[in-house]
Amino acid sequence: MNHLGTKVLETDRLILRPFKLEDAQPMYDNWANDPEVTKYLTWTPHANVEATKSVLADWITPYERLDYYKWAIVLKAIQEPVGGISAVNQQADIRMVEIGYCIGKNWWRQGYTSEALSALVRFFFEEVGVNRVEAGCDPRNPHSSQVMMKCGLKYEGTLRQAARNNQGFYDCCVYALLAEDYFQRDPAR
């Protein structure tokens, strides 16, 4: 893989950029304090903006590494972060990245998460040179599955009680896209 770090990516409606400490208040207000947003995540809602600042400090430190990928999803229309998307797991030997994401409920079902994930799929295949992009979700969260499928990831199976989130152990639905399938979709790339 040709690691490039968390470089700024732009789509029609979004800017994907590294998080900054100044993002603490909008992150807290827009999604990090919301139990509906975190229902199927592995971290609990933040109790206050100080908790968000602490998380951001931990996230910002590794940005100097080229194999670290964590973006704020910034909505151009309001110029503030409304969610986050990142490579939550990597396996160098098979050139795989696993993507995780969340977005504030005020922006649910408007295509923003799909737009962000599509940008990462393109970035990881075309610039980083991964062979596999994958993501997983709790089957009780069908909207997350829809995001993955909209971005070309294919359902590969369900791993029984293979993960844990705020609902406890859950069966993990795994979706993935391979480089050969990605480049076959549009050979002109």
N, C-alpha and C. Protein backbone atom coordinates (compact mmCIF):
# COMPACT_ATOMS: atom_id res chain seq x y z
N MET A 1 0.85 -1.18 0.00
CA MET A 1 0.00 0.00 0.00
C MET A 1 0.88 1.24 0.00
N ASN A 2 0.42 2.24 -0.68
CA ASN A 2 1.11 3.52 -0.76
C ASN A 2 0.44 4.49 0.22
N HIS A 3 0.79 4.38 1.50
CA HIS A 3 0.11 5.19 2.52
C HIS A 3 0.33 6.68 2.29
N LEU A 4 -0.76 7.43 2.40
CA LEU A 4 -0.73 8.86 2.15
C LEU A 4 -1.23 9.68 3.33
N GLY A 5 -1.71 9.03 4.37
CA GLY A 5 -2.22 9.74 5.53
C GLY A 5 -3.60 10.34 5.26
N THR A 6 -4.09 11.06 6.25
CA THR A 6 -5.43 11.63 6.18
C THR A 6 -5.40 12.93 5.39
N LYS A 7 -5.34 12.80 4.09
CA LYS A 7 -5.32 14.00 3.25
C LYS A 7 -6.74 14.51 3.04
N VAL A 8 -6.86 15.78 2.75
CA VAL A 8 -8.17 16.40 2.54
C VAL A 8 -8.76 15.86 1.24
N LEU A 9 -10.02 15.44 1.32
CA LEU A 9 -10.77 14.95 0.17
C LEU A 9 -12.03 15.81 0.04
N GLU A 10 -12.46 16.04 -1.18
CA GLU A 10 -13.63 16.89 -1.39
C GLU A 10 -14.62 16.19 -2.31
N THR A 11 -15.90 16.34 -1.99
CA THR A 11 -16.98 15.84 -2.84
C THR A 11 -17.88 17.04 -3.16
N ASP A 12 -19.00 16.77 -3.81
CA ASP A 12 -19.90 17.87 -4.16
C ASP A 12 -20.36 18.65 -2.93
N ARG A 13 -20.71 17.93 -1.86
CA ARG A 13 -21.30 18.61 -0.70
C ARG A 13 -20.44 18.56 0.56
N LEU A 14 -19.32 17.83 0.49
CA LEU A 14 -18.54 17.58 1.70
C LEU A 14 -17.06 17.89 1.53
N ILE A 15 -16.45 18.20 2.64
CA ILE A 15 -15.00 18.22 2.76
C ILE A 15 -14.65 17.20 3.83
N LEU A 16 -13.80 16.26 3.49
CA LEU A 16 -13.30 15.29 4.45
C LEU A 16 -11.89 15.74 4.81
N ARG A 17 -11.68 16.03 6.08
CA ARG A 17 -10.41 16.58 6.52
C ARG A 17 -10.05 16.03 7.89
N PRO A 18 -8.78 16.17 8.29
CA PRO A 18 -8.40 15.75 9.63
C PRO A 18 -9.19 16.53 10.69
N PHE A 19 -9.45 15.88 11.80
CA PHE A 19 -10.09 16.56 12.93
C PHE A 19 -9.12 17.57 13.54
N LYS A 20 -9.69 18.61 14.16
CA LYS A 20 -8.93 19.63 14.89
C LYS A 20 -9.55 19.75 16.28
N LEU A 21 -8.78 20.25 17.24
CA LEU A 21 -9.32 20.45 18.59
C LEU A 21 -10.52 21.39 18.57
N GLU A 22 -10.53 22.34 17.63
CA GLU A 22 -11.64 23.29 17.52
C GLU A 22 -12.95 22.61 17.11
N ASP A 23 -12.88 21.35 16.71
CA ASP A 23 -14.08 20.60 16.33
C ASP A 23 -14.85 20.06 17.54
N ALA A 24 -14.33 20.25 18.73
CA ALA A 24 -14.93 19.63 19.91
C ALA A 24 -16.40 20.03 20.08
N GLN A 25 -16.70 21.31 20.03
CA GLN A 25 -18.08 21.73 20.27
C GLN A 25 -19.04 21.23 19.19
N PRO A 26 -18.74 21.43 17.90
CA PRO A 26 -19.66 20.89 16.91
C PRO A 26 -19.75 19.36 16.93
N MET A 27 -18.65 18.68 17.22
CA MET A 27 -18.70 17.22 17.31
C MET A 27 -19.63 16.81 18.45
N TYR A 28 -19.45 17.44 19.58
CA TYR A 28 -20.31 17.12 20.73
C TYR A 28 -21.77 17.43 20.41
N ASP A 29 -22.03 18.62 19.86
CA ASP A 29 -23.40 19.04 19.58
C ASP A 29 -24.05 18.23 18.47
N ASN A 30 -23.29 17.90 17.42
CA ASN A 30 -23.87 17.30 16.22
C ASN A 30 -24.01 15.78 16.27
N TRP A 31 -23.19 15.09 17.08
CA TRP A 31 -23.36 13.64 17.14
C TRP A 31 -22.80 12.95 18.37
N ALA A 32 -21.75 13.43 18.97
CA ALA A 32 -21.08 12.64 20.01
C ALA A 32 -21.87 12.51 21.31
N ASN A 33 -22.84 13.39 21.55
CA ASN A 33 -23.62 13.31 22.78
C ASN A 33 -24.94 12.57 22.60
N ASP A 34 -25.22 12.06 21.41
CA ASP A 34 -26.53 11.55 21.07
C ASP A 34 -26.61 10.03 21.19
N PRO A 35 -27.44 9.52 22.13
CA PRO A 35 -27.55 8.07 22.28
C PRO A 35 -28.14 7.36 21.05
N GLU A 36 -28.92 8.07 20.22
CA GLU A 36 -29.42 7.45 18.99
C GLU A 36 -28.30 7.22 17.99
N VAL A 37 -27.38 8.18 17.90
CA VAL A 37 -26.24 8.05 16.98
C VAL A 37 -25.31 6.94 17.44
N THR A 38 -25.08 6.84 18.73
CA THR A 38 -24.11 5.88 19.26
C THR A 38 -24.72 4.52 19.59
N LYS A 39 -26.00 4.34 19.33
CA LYS A 39 -26.70 3.11 19.69
C LYS A 39 -25.96 1.86 19.22
N TYR A 40 -25.47 1.85 17.98
CA TYR A 40 -24.81 0.67 17.42
C TYR A 40 -23.29 0.86 17.31
N LEU A 41 -22.75 1.80 18.05
CA LEU A 41 -21.31 2.05 18.03
C LEU A 41 -20.64 1.39 19.23
N THR A 42 -19.32 1.47 19.27
CA THR A 42 -18.57 0.84 20.35
C THR A 42 -18.24 1.83 21.46
N TRP A 43 -18.57 3.09 21.30
CA TRP A 43 -18.34 4.08 22.34
C TRP A 43 -19.66 4.72 22.75
N THR A 44 -19.73 5.09 24.01
CA THR A 44 -20.96 5.65 24.57
C THR A 44 -21.03 7.15 24.30
N PRO A 45 -22.23 7.74 24.40
CA PRO A 45 -22.34 9.18 24.19
C PRO A 45 -21.44 9.94 25.17
N HIS A 46 -20.88 11.01 24.68
CA HIS A 46 -20.02 11.84 25.53
C HIS A 46 -20.89 12.60 26.53
N ALA A 47 -20.44 12.64 27.77
CA ALA A 47 -21.19 13.31 28.84
C ALA A 47 -21.11 14.82 28.74
N ASN A 48 -20.01 15.32 28.17
CA ASN A 48 -19.81 16.78 28.07
C ASN A 48 -18.75 17.05 27.00
N VAL A 49 -18.59 18.31 26.67
CA VAL A 49 -17.65 18.67 25.61
C VAL A 49 -16.21 18.38 26.02
N GLU A 50 -15.93 18.33 27.32
CA GLU A 50 -14.58 17.98 27.77
C GLU A 50 -14.21 16.55 27.36
N ALA A 51 -15.18 15.65 27.41
CA ALA A 51 -14.95 14.28 26.96
C ALA A 51 -14.62 14.26 25.47
N THR A 52 -15.32 15.07 24.71
CA THR A 52 -15.07 15.17 23.27
C THR A 52 -13.67 15.73 23.01
N LYS A 53 -13.28 16.73 23.76
CA LYS A 53 -11.93 17.30 23.61
C LYS A 53 -10.86 16.25 23.88
N SER A 54 -11.08 15.42 24.89
CA SER A 54 -10.11 14.37 25.23
C SER A 54 -9.99 13.35 24.10
N VAL A 55 -11.12 12.95 23.52
CA VAL A 55 -11.11 12.02 22.39
C VAL A 55 -10.37 12.64 21.21
N LEU A 56 -10.68 13.88 20.91
CA LEU A 56 -10.02 14.54 19.78
C LEU A 56 -8.51 14.63 19.98
N ALA A 57 -8.09 14.92 21.19
CA ALA A 57 -6.64 14.98 21.47
C ALA A 57 -5.98 13.64 21.15
N ASP A 58 -6.65 12.55 21.50
CA ASP A 58 -6.11 11.22 21.18
C ASP A 58 -6.11 10.96 19.68
N TRP A 59 -7.13 11.45 18.98
CA TRP A 59 -7.22 11.23 17.54
C TRP A 59 -6.21 12.05 16.76
N ILE A 60 -5.91 13.24 17.24
CA ILE A 60 -5.06 14.17 16.50
C ILE A 60 -3.59 13.78 16.57
N THR A 61 -3.16 13.24 17.67
CA THR A 61 -1.74 12.90 17.85
C THR A 61 -1.19 12.03 16.73
N PRO A 62 -1.88 10.97 16.30
CA PRO A 62 -1.29 10.09 15.26
C PRO A 62 -1.34 10.63 13.82
N TYR A 63 -1.86 11.84 13.60
CA TYR A 63 -1.95 12.33 12.22
C TYR A 63 -0.60 12.41 11.52
N GLU A 64 0.48 12.42 12.23
CA GLU A 64 1.80 12.47 11.60
C GLU A 64 2.13 11.15 10.88
N ARG A 65 1.44 10.08 11.25
CA ARG A 65 1.68 8.78 10.61
C ARG A 65 0.95 8.70 9.27
N LEU A 66 1.63 8.19 8.26
CA LEU A 66 1.03 8.07 6.94
C LEU A 66 0.03 6.92 6.84
N ASP A 67 0.03 5.99 7.79
CA ASP A 67 -0.91 4.88 7.76
C ASP A 67 -2.11 5.12 8.69
N TYR A 68 -2.34 6.37 9.06
CA TYR A 68 -3.44 6.73 9.95
C TYR A 68 -4.47 7.51 9.13
N TYR A 69 -5.73 7.04 9.20
CA TYR A 69 -6.79 7.62 8.37
C TYR A 69 -8.03 7.88 9.22
N LYS A 70 -8.29 9.17 9.53
CA LYS A 70 -9.47 9.55 10.32
C LYS A 70 -9.91 10.94 9.88
N TRP A 71 -11.10 11.02 9.30
CA TRP A 71 -11.60 12.26 8.73
C TRP A 71 -12.83 12.78 9.47
N ALA A 72 -12.91 14.11 9.56
CA ALA A 72 -14.15 14.78 9.93
C ALA A 72 -14.96 14.93 8.65
N ILE A 73 -16.25 14.65 8.72
CA ILE A 73 -17.15 14.87 7.59
C ILE A 73 -17.72 16.28 7.76
N VAL A 74 -17.23 17.21 6.97
CA VAL A 74 -17.64 18.61 7.07
C VAL A 74 -18.62 18.92 5.96
N LEU A 75 -19.79 19.38 6.35
CA LEU A 75 -20.82 19.77 5.39
C LEU A 75 -20.49 21.17 4.89
N LYS A 76 -20.26 21.31 3.59
CA LYS A 76 -19.88 22.60 3.03
C LYS A 76 -20.92 23.69 3.35
N ALA A 77 -22.19 23.32 3.33
CA ALA A 77 -23.26 24.31 3.52
C ALA A 77 -23.20 25.00 4.88
N ILE A 78 -22.67 24.31 5.91
CA ILE A 78 -22.62 24.92 7.24
C ILE A 78 -21.19 25.05 7.76
N GLN A 79 -20.23 24.52 7.02
CA GLN A 79 -18.81 24.62 7.36
C GLN A 79 -18.47 24.11 8.76
N GLU A 80 -19.11 23.00 9.15
CA GLU A 80 -18.73 22.36 10.40
C GLU A 80 -18.90 20.85 10.29
N PRO A 81 -18.18 20.11 11.13
CA PRO A 81 -18.29 18.65 11.05
C PRO A 81 -19.64 18.15 11.53
N VAL A 82 -20.16 17.17 10.79
CA VAL A 82 -21.45 16.56 11.14
C VAL A 82 -21.28 15.06 11.41
N GLY A 83 -20.06 14.55 11.25
CA GLY A 83 -19.80 13.14 11.48
C GLY A 83 -18.33 12.83 11.29
N GLY A 84 -18.01 11.54 11.34
CA GLY A 84 -16.65 11.10 11.16
C GLY A 84 -16.60 9.80 10.39
N ILE A 85 -15.48 9.57 9.71
CA ILE A 85 -15.28 8.35 8.94
C ILE A 85 -13.80 8.02 8.98
N SER A 86 -13.48 6.74 9.14
CA SER A 86 -12.07 6.39 9.30
C SER A 86 -11.80 4.94 8.92
N ALA A 87 -10.50 4.65 8.77
CA ALA A 87 -10.05 3.27 8.63
C ALA A 87 -9.88 2.75 10.06
N VAL A 88 -10.80 1.92 10.51
CA VAL A 88 -10.78 1.43 11.89
C VAL A 88 -9.91 0.19 12.06
N ASN A 89 -9.54 -0.42 10.94
CA ASN A 89 -8.69 -1.60 10.98
C ASN A 89 -7.98 -1.71 9.64
N GLN A 90 -6.75 -2.21 9.67
CA GLN A 90 -5.99 -2.44 8.44
C GLN A 90 -5.24 -3.76 8.56
N GLN A 91 -5.07 -4.43 7.43
CA GLN A 91 -4.23 -5.62 7.36
C GLN A 91 -3.31 -5.44 6.16
N ALA A 92 -2.07 -5.11 6.43
CA ALA A 92 -1.11 -4.81 5.37
C ALA A 92 -0.85 -6.02 4.47
N ASP A 93 -0.83 -7.23 5.05
CA ASP A 93 -0.47 -8.42 4.27
C ASP A 93 -1.48 -8.71 3.16
N ILE A 94 -2.73 -8.32 3.35
CA ILE A 94 -3.73 -8.52 2.30
C ILE A 94 -4.21 -7.18 1.72
N ARG A 95 -3.53 -6.10 2.09
CA ARG A 95 -3.85 -4.74 1.61
C ARG A 95 -5.34 -4.43 1.79
N MET A 96 -5.79 -4.55 3.04
CA MET A 96 -7.20 -4.35 3.37
C MET A 96 -7.34 -3.20 4.36
N VAL A 97 -8.38 -2.40 4.15
CA VAL A 97 -8.80 -1.41 5.14
C VAL A 97 -10.27 -1.66 5.46
N GLU A 98 -10.59 -1.53 6.74
CA GLU A 98 -11.98 -1.61 7.19
C GLU A 98 -12.42 -0.20 7.57
N ILE A 99 -13.55 0.20 7.06
CA ILE A 99 -14.05 1.56 7.27
C ILE A 99 -15.18 1.55 8.31
N GLY A 100 -15.14 2.55 9.17
CA GLY A 100 -16.23 2.80 10.11
C GLY A 100 -16.67 4.25 10.00
N TYR A 101 -17.92 4.52 10.31
CA TYR A 101 -18.43 5.88 10.15
C TYR A 101 -19.61 6.13 11.07
N CYS A 102 -19.87 7.40 11.32
CA CYS A 102 -21.11 7.81 11.98
C CYS A 102 -21.39 9.26 11.60
N ILE A 103 -22.66 9.62 11.67
CA ILE A 103 -23.07 10.97 11.29
C ILE A 103 -24.24 11.37 12.18
N GLY A 104 -24.33 12.65 12.47
CA GLY A 104 -25.41 13.15 13.31
C GLY A 104 -26.77 12.88 12.70
N LYS A 105 -27.77 12.63 13.56
CA LYS A 105 -29.08 12.22 13.05
C LYS A 105 -29.78 13.31 12.23
N ASN A 106 -29.40 14.58 12.41
CA ASN A 106 -29.99 15.63 11.57
C ASN A 106 -29.61 15.48 10.10
N TRP A 107 -28.59 14.64 9.85
CA TRP A 107 -28.12 14.45 8.48
C TRP A 107 -28.32 13.03 7.99
N TRP A 108 -29.07 12.23 8.72
CA TRP A 108 -29.37 10.87 8.30
C TRP A 108 -30.24 10.87 7.04
N ARG A 109 -30.04 9.84 6.24
CA ARG A 109 -30.86 9.56 5.05
C ARG A 109 -30.92 10.72 4.04
N GLN A 110 -29.79 11.42 3.92
CA GLN A 110 -29.67 12.48 2.93
C GLN A 110 -28.50 12.23 1.98
N GLY A 111 -27.89 11.04 2.10
CA GLY A 111 -26.82 10.66 1.19
C GLY A 111 -25.44 11.14 1.58
N TYR A 112 -25.29 11.81 2.70
CA TYR A 112 -23.98 12.33 3.09
C TYR A 112 -22.99 11.22 3.44
N THR A 113 -23.46 10.22 4.18
CA THR A 113 -22.55 9.13 4.56
C THR A 113 -22.12 8.35 3.33
N SER A 114 -23.03 8.08 2.42
CA SER A 114 -22.67 7.39 1.17
C SER A 114 -21.68 8.21 0.36
N GLU A 115 -21.87 9.51 0.34
CA GLU A 115 -20.97 10.40 -0.39
C GLU A 115 -19.56 10.34 0.22
N ALA A 116 -19.49 10.32 1.54
CA ALA A 116 -18.19 10.24 2.22
C ALA A 116 -17.54 8.88 1.99
N LEU A 117 -18.32 7.81 2.15
CA LEU A 117 -17.76 6.47 1.95
C LEU A 117 -17.30 6.27 0.51
N SER A 118 -18.06 6.76 -0.45
CA SER A 118 -17.65 6.66 -1.86
C SER A 118 -16.30 7.35 -2.10
N ALA A 119 -16.11 8.50 -1.47
CA ALA A 119 -14.84 9.21 -1.61
C ALA A 119 -13.69 8.39 -1.04
N LEU A 120 -13.93 7.71 0.09
CA LEU A 120 -12.88 6.88 0.68
C LEU A 120 -12.61 5.64 -0.15
N VAL A 121 -13.65 5.03 -0.68
CA VAL A 121 -13.47 3.86 -1.55
C VAL A 121 -12.57 4.24 -2.72
N ARG A 122 -12.88 5.36 -3.37
CA ARG A 122 -12.05 5.82 -4.49
C ARG A 122 -10.62 6.08 -4.03
N PHE A 123 -10.45 6.82 -2.94
CA PHE A 123 -9.13 7.17 -2.41
C PHE A 123 -8.31 5.91 -2.11
N PHE A 124 -8.91 4.96 -1.41
CA PHE A 124 -8.15 3.78 -1.01
C PHE A 124 -7.79 2.89 -2.19
N PHE A 125 -8.68 2.76 -3.17
CA PHE A 125 -8.33 1.94 -4.33
C PHE A 125 -7.39 2.68 -5.28
N GLU A 126 -7.71 3.91 -5.63
CA GLU A 126 -6.97 4.61 -6.68
C GLU A 126 -5.68 5.25 -6.20
N GLU A 127 -5.61 5.67 -4.95
CA GLU A 127 -4.42 6.37 -4.48
C GLU A 127 -3.56 5.55 -3.52
N VAL A 128 -4.19 4.86 -2.59
CA VAL A 128 -3.43 4.07 -1.61
C VAL A 128 -3.08 2.69 -2.16
N GLY A 129 -3.90 2.18 -3.04
CA GLY A 129 -3.62 0.88 -3.66
C GLY A 129 -4.01 -0.32 -2.82
N VAL A 130 -5.12 -0.20 -2.11
CA VAL A 130 -5.59 -1.35 -1.35
C VAL A 130 -6.18 -2.39 -2.29
N ASN A 131 -6.28 -3.60 -1.80
CA ASN A 131 -6.92 -4.67 -2.56
C ASN A 131 -8.35 -4.91 -2.10
N ARG A 132 -8.65 -4.51 -0.86
CA ARG A 132 -9.96 -4.81 -0.28
C ARG A 132 -10.38 -3.68 0.65
N VAL A 133 -11.60 -3.20 0.45
CA VAL A 133 -12.24 -2.27 1.39
C VAL A 133 -13.40 -3.03 1.99
N GLU A 134 -13.48 -3.05 3.32
CA GLU A 134 -14.59 -3.74 3.96
C GLU A 134 -15.19 -2.88 5.06
N ALA A 135 -16.38 -3.26 5.46
CA ALA A 135 -17.08 -2.61 6.56
C ALA A 135 -18.06 -3.61 7.14
N GLY A 136 -18.42 -3.41 8.37
CA GLY A 136 -19.37 -4.31 9.02
C GLY A 136 -20.37 -3.52 9.83
N CYS A 137 -21.51 -4.15 10.09
CA CYS A 137 -22.52 -3.46 10.89
C CYS A 137 -23.42 -4.46 11.59
N ASP A 138 -24.11 -3.96 12.58
CA ASP A 138 -25.11 -4.70 13.31
C ASP A 138 -26.33 -4.84 12.39
N PRO A 139 -26.90 -6.04 12.23
CA PRO A 139 -28.05 -6.20 11.33
C PRO A 139 -29.27 -5.40 11.79
N ARG A 140 -29.28 -4.96 13.04
CA ARG A 140 -30.38 -4.12 13.52
C ARG A 140 -30.24 -2.68 13.05
N ASN A 141 -29.17 -2.41 12.31
CA ASN A 141 -28.92 -1.07 11.77
C ASN A 141 -28.91 -1.15 10.24
N PRO A 142 -30.07 -1.37 9.63
CA PRO A 142 -30.11 -1.61 8.18
C PRO A 142 -29.67 -0.41 7.34
N HIS A 143 -29.78 0.80 7.89
CA HIS A 143 -29.36 1.97 7.11
C HIS A 143 -27.86 1.95 6.85
N SER A 144 -27.09 1.41 7.80
CA SER A 144 -25.65 1.29 7.59
C SER A 144 -25.37 0.31 6.45
N SER A 145 -26.08 -0.80 6.42
CA SER A 145 -25.93 -1.76 5.31
C SER A 145 -26.25 -1.10 3.98
N GLN A 146 -27.28 -0.27 3.95
CA GLN A 146 -27.67 0.40 2.71
C GLN A 146 -26.58 1.34 2.22
N VAL A 147 -25.90 2.02 3.14
CA VAL A 147 -24.78 2.89 2.76
C VAL A 147 -23.70 2.06 2.07
N MET A 148 -23.36 0.94 2.67
CA MET A 148 -22.30 0.09 2.12
C MET A 148 -22.66 -0.42 0.73
N MET A 149 -23.89 -0.90 0.56
CA MET A 149 -24.32 -1.42 -0.74
C MET A 149 -24.38 -0.31 -1.79
N LYS A 150 -24.83 0.87 -1.39
CA LYS A 150 -24.90 2.00 -2.32
C LYS A 150 -23.51 2.36 -2.86
N CYS A 151 -22.48 2.08 -2.06
CA CYS A 151 -21.11 2.39 -2.45
C CYS A 151 -20.40 1.23 -3.13
N GLY A 152 -21.15 0.17 -3.45
CA GLY A 152 -20.60 -0.94 -4.21
C GLY A 152 -20.08 -2.10 -3.40
N LEU A 153 -20.11 -2.01 -2.07
CA LEU A 153 -19.68 -3.13 -1.25
C LEU A 153 -20.73 -4.23 -1.31
N LYS A 154 -20.26 -5.46 -1.37
CA LYS A 154 -21.15 -6.61 -1.48
C LYS A 154 -21.23 -7.34 -0.15
N TYR A 155 -22.42 -7.82 0.16
CA TYR A 155 -22.62 -8.60 1.37
C TYR A 155 -21.87 -9.91 1.26
N GLU A 156 -21.04 -10.23 2.24
CA GLU A 156 -20.25 -11.47 2.22
C GLU A 156 -20.71 -12.49 3.24
N GLY A 157 -21.44 -12.05 4.25
CA GLY A 157 -21.89 -13.00 5.26
C GLY A 157 -22.06 -12.33 6.62
N THR A 158 -22.58 -13.11 7.55
CA THR A 158 -22.79 -12.64 8.91
C THR A 158 -21.99 -13.50 9.86
N LEU A 159 -21.18 -12.84 10.65
CA LEU A 159 -20.37 -13.51 11.66
C LEU A 159 -21.14 -13.46 12.98
N ARG A 160 -21.51 -14.62 13.48
CA ARG A 160 -22.37 -14.69 14.66
C ARG A 160 -21.64 -14.20 15.91
N GLN A 161 -22.25 -13.27 16.61
CA GLN A 161 -21.74 -12.68 17.84
C GLN A 161 -20.25 -12.39 17.76
N ALA A 162 -19.84 -11.79 16.66
CA ALA A 162 -18.43 -11.55 16.39
C ALA A 162 -17.94 -10.19 16.86
N ALA A 163 -18.85 -9.38 17.37
CA ALA A 163 -18.44 -8.04 17.79
C ALA A 163 -19.32 -7.60 18.96
N ARG A 164 -18.93 -6.46 19.53
CA ARG A 164 -19.67 -5.93 20.67
C ARG A 164 -19.85 -4.43 20.45
N ASN A 165 -21.07 -3.94 20.69
CA ASN A 165 -21.34 -2.51 20.64
C ASN A 165 -22.18 -2.13 21.85
N ASN A 166 -22.79 -0.98 21.82
CA ASN A 166 -23.58 -0.51 22.97
C ASN A 166 -24.83 -1.35 23.22
N GLN A 167 -25.16 -2.26 22.32
CA GLN A 167 -26.29 -3.16 22.51
C GLN A 167 -25.83 -4.53 23.05
N GLY A 168 -24.51 -4.70 23.22
CA GLY A 168 -23.96 -5.97 23.67
C GLY A 168 -23.33 -6.72 22.50
N PHE A 169 -23.21 -8.05 22.63
CA PHE A 169 -22.68 -8.84 21.52
C PHE A 169 -23.66 -8.74 20.35
N TYR A 170 -23.11 -8.70 19.15
CA TYR A 170 -23.99 -8.68 17.98
C TYR A 170 -23.39 -9.49 16.84
N ASP A 171 -24.29 -9.96 15.98
CA ASP A 171 -23.87 -10.62 14.75
C ASP A 171 -23.41 -9.52 13.80
N CYS A 172 -22.25 -9.69 13.21
CA CYS A 172 -21.68 -8.65 12.35
C CYS A 172 -21.88 -9.01 10.88
N CYS A 173 -22.64 -8.17 10.17
CA CYS A 173 -22.83 -8.33 8.73
C CYS A 173 -21.62 -7.70 8.04
N VAL A 174 -20.92 -8.46 7.23
CA VAL A 174 -19.69 -8.01 6.59
C VAL A 174 -19.95 -7.72 5.12
N TYR A 175 -19.48 -6.55 4.68
CA TYR A 175 -19.59 -6.10 3.29
C TYR A 175 -18.19 -5.75 2.82
N ALA A 176 -17.90 -6.00 1.54
CA ALA A 176 -16.57 -5.68 1.03
C ALA A 176 -16.61 -5.44 -0.48
N LEU A 177 -15.57 -4.78 -0.94
CA LEU A 177 -15.36 -4.55 -2.36
C LEU A 177 -13.88 -4.80 -2.63
N LEU A 178 -13.59 -5.55 -3.69
CA LEU A 178 -12.22 -5.85 -4.08
C LEU A 178 -11.78 -4.92 -5.19
N ALA A 179 -10.47 -4.70 -5.28
CA ALA A 179 -9.92 -3.82 -6.31
C ALA A 179 -10.33 -4.29 -7.71
N GLU A 180 -10.28 -5.59 -7.96
CA GLU A 180 -10.62 -6.08 -9.31
C GLU A 180 -12.07 -5.75 -9.66
N ASP A 181 -12.96 -5.80 -8.68
CA ASP A 181 -14.37 -5.45 -8.95
C ASP A 181 -14.54 -3.94 -9.09
N TYR A 182 -13.83 -3.19 -8.28
CA TYR A 182 -13.90 -1.73 -8.34
C TYR A 182 -13.46 -1.22 -9.71
N PHE A 183 -12.32 -1.70 -10.18
CA PHE A 183 -11.80 -1.21 -11.46
C PHE A 183 -12.58 -1.78 -12.65
N GLN A 184 -13.24 -2.91 -12.49
CA GLN A 184 -14.09 -3.46 -13.56
C GLN A 184 -15.36 -2.65 -13.73
N ARG A 185 -15.82 -1.99 -12.65
CA ARG A 185 -17.07 -1.22 -12.73
C ARG A 185 -16.96 -0.12 -13.77
N ASP A 186 -15.78 0.49 -13.87
CA ASP A 186 -15.56 1.57 -14.82
C ASP A 186 -14.10 1.50 -15.29
N PRO A 187 -13.83 0.74 -16.36
CA PRO A 187 -12.46 0.54 -16.80
C PRO A 187 -11.74 1.82 -17.23
N ALA A 188 -12.47 2.91 -17.45
CA ALA A 188 -11.85 4.17 -17.88
C ALA A 188 -11.11 4.88 -16.74
N ARG A 189 -11.24 4.39 -15.53
CA ARG A 189 -10.60 5.06 -14.37
C ARG A 189 -9.12 5.12 -14.53
